[in-house]
Amino acid sequence: MKKGKDMLDKIRAVKERIERFRFQSQAHQIRSIQPIQYTPDPNVAILTMVGHDTLNMYLIAVASFMRQFGYGTIEVLDDGTLDDDDIAVLTRIIPLVRITKACDIETHGCPTYSSWKRLFRVLQLVETPM
């Protein structure tokens, strides 16, 4: 029985890899869209931590969100994996995007996990007008 389960697990893993590859291939097309149109608003911050592996999904999400919401200040918190090409794509597709490096966020003795970095960046945004 164990051999049958192992074989099913391997088949599922291969299927998942194929589906992930297919999604990434389609999601990569988001990089060719026109710049997102929105109204800058310093009173509304849209903050997301983004990494190299999640850039395409982020672009799909932010383009869809801004199409409906339409205004705000868009900030990307770079998890440390964005490269120069990623930054170029972000700045081309999202006019006026602010990019902050997670390594520059001080957590004041709290853990340095990404969730803490996001929380402390939100705190900075609340304390400091944009």
Protein backbone atom coordinates (compact mmCIF):
# COMPACT_ATOMS: atom_id res chain seq x y z
CA MET A 1 0.00 0.00 0.00
CA LYS A 2 2.87 2.38 0.80
CA LYS A 3 4.34 2.01 -2.71
CA GLY A 4 1.01 3.01 -4.26
CA LYS A 5 0.80 6.09 -2.02
CA ASP A 6 4.40 7.05 -2.82
CA MET A 7 3.67 6.78 -6.54
CA LEU A 8 0.54 8.95 -6.18
CA ASP A 9 2.55 11.54 -4.24
CA LYS A 10 5.16 11.64 -7.01
CA ILE A 11 2.49 12.02 -9.69
CA ARG A 12 0.86 14.85 -7.72
CA ALA A 13 4.23 16.57 -7.30
CA VAL A 14 4.93 16.40 -11.04
CA LYS A 15 1.42 17.66 -11.83
CA GLU A 16 1.91 20.55 -9.39
CA ARG A 17 5.24 21.49 -11.02
CA ILE A 18 3.63 21.47 -14.46
CA GLU A 19 0.74 23.62 -13.26
CA ARG A 20 3.13 26.05 -11.55
CA PHE A 21 5.21 26.31 -14.75
CA ARG A 22 2.08 26.88 -16.85
CA PHE A 23 0.86 29.60 -14.47
CA GLN A 24 4.24 31.34 -14.39
CA SER A 25 4.42 31.27 -18.19
CA GLN A 26 1.02 32.94 -18.44
CA ALA A 27 1.60 35.30 -15.52
CA HIS A 28 4.86 36.51 -17.07
CA GLN A 29 2.76 38.21 -19.76
CA ILE A 30 1.69 40.81 -17.17
CA ARG A 31 5.10 42.41 -17.65
CA SER A 32 4.06 43.67 -21.08
CA ILE A 33 0.99 45.66 -19.95
CA GLN A 34 0.78 49.42 -20.17
CA PRO A 35 1.55 51.38 -17.00
CA ILE A 36 -1.18 51.25 -14.38
CA GLN A 37 -3.29 54.38 -14.28
CA TYR A 38 -4.24 55.66 -10.85
CA THR A 39 -4.48 58.88 -8.91
CA PRO A 40 -1.64 59.40 -6.43
CA ASP A 41 -2.97 60.08 -2.93
CA PRO A 42 -0.58 60.55 0.01
CA ASN A 43 -3.37 59.71 2.49
CA VAL A 44 -3.68 56.09 1.32
CA ALA A 45 -0.77 53.65 1.34
CA ILE A 46 -0.92 50.36 -0.50
CA LEU A 47 2.00 48.38 0.91
CA THR A 48 3.02 44.90 -0.17
CA MET A 49 6.16 42.87 0.45
CA VAL A 50 7.31 41.48 -2.90
CA GLY A 51 10.07 39.12 -3.93
CA HIS A 52 11.51 37.98 -7.23
CA ASP A 53 9.45 34.77 -7.25
CA THR A 54 6.18 36.58 -6.49
CA LEU A 55 6.60 39.61 -8.76
CA ASN A 56 4.28 38.43 -11.54
CA MET A 57 1.51 37.53 -9.08
CA TYR A 58 1.94 40.91 -7.39
CA LEU A 59 1.70 42.77 -10.69
CA ILE A 60 -1.52 40.93 -11.55
CA ALA A 61 -2.96 41.72 -8.12
CA VAL A 62 -1.96 45.39 -7.97
CA ALA A 63 -3.12 46.06 -11.54
CA SER A 64 -6.50 44.51 -10.76
CA PHE A 65 -6.77 46.26 -7.39
CA MET A 66 -5.89 49.69 -8.76
CA ARG A 67 -8.29 49.27 -11.67
CA GLN A 68 -11.07 49.05 -9.06
CA PHE A 69 -9.69 51.23 -6.23
CA GLY A 70 -7.94 53.84 -8.35
CA TYR A 71 -5.93 55.96 -5.93
CA GLY A 72 -3.21 55.85 -3.30
CA THR A 73 0.52 55.65 -2.86
CA ILE A 74 1.86 52.29 -3.96
CA GLU A 75 4.84 51.00 -2.04
CA VAL A 76 6.72 47.76 -2.55
CA LEU A 77 8.70 46.36 0.34
CA ASP A 78 11.55 44.47 -1.34
CA ASP A 79 12.15 41.22 0.52
CA GLY A 80 15.77 41.35 -0.67
CA THR A 81 15.38 39.18 -3.76
CA LEU A 82 14.30 41.77 -6.32
CA ASP A 83 16.97 42.31 -8.95
CA ASP A 84 17.58 45.29 -11.25
CA ASP A 85 15.28 43.85 -13.94
CA ASP A 86 12.49 43.42 -11.37
CA ILE A 87 12.91 47.02 -10.21
CA ALA A 88 12.81 48.21 -13.83
CA VAL A 89 9.56 46.29 -14.43
CA LEU A 90 8.01 47.72 -11.26
CA THR A 91 8.93 51.30 -12.09
CA ARG A 92 7.69 50.94 -15.67
CA ILE A 93 4.34 49.35 -14.82
CA ILE A 94 3.62 51.29 -11.60
CA PRO A 95 4.30 55.00 -12.06
CA LEU A 96 5.57 56.68 -8.88
CA VAL A 97 5.99 53.35 -7.07
CA ARG A 98 8.04 53.62 -3.89
CA ILE A 99 10.42 50.76 -3.27
CA THR A 100 11.77 50.20 0.24
CA LYS A 101 14.26 47.49 1.11
CA ALA A 102 13.17 45.26 3.98
CA CYS A 103 16.75 45.20 5.26
CA ASP A 104 16.46 48.96 5.90
CA ILE A 105 13.48 48.53 8.26
CA GLU A 106 14.52 48.60 11.91
CA THR A 107 12.51 46.24 14.10
CA HIS A 108 13.77 47.66 17.41
CA GLY A 109 14.67 44.36 19.04
CA CYS A 110 11.66 42.45 17.72
CA PRO A 111 12.20 39.48 15.42
CA THR A 112 13.38 40.34 11.92
CA TYR A 113 10.94 38.04 10.09
CA SER A 114 9.19 39.51 7.07
CA SER A 115 5.90 39.92 8.95
CA TRP A 116 7.65 42.12 11.52
CA LYS A 117 9.31 44.14 8.77
CA ARG A 118 5.89 44.82 7.24
CA LEU A 119 4.39 45.80 10.59
CA PHE A 120 7.21 48.21 11.37
CA ARG A 121 6.98 49.75 7.89
CA VAL A 122 3.25 50.31 8.41
CA LEU A 123 4.08 51.94 11.75
CA GLN A 124 6.61 54.21 9.99
CA LEU A 125 4.01 55.19 7.40
CA VAL A 126 1.47 56.03 10.12
CA GLU A 127 3.99 58.10 12.10
CA THR A 128 5.52 59.90 9.11
CA PRO A 129 3.39 61.73 6.57
CA MET A 130 4.09 60.67 3.00
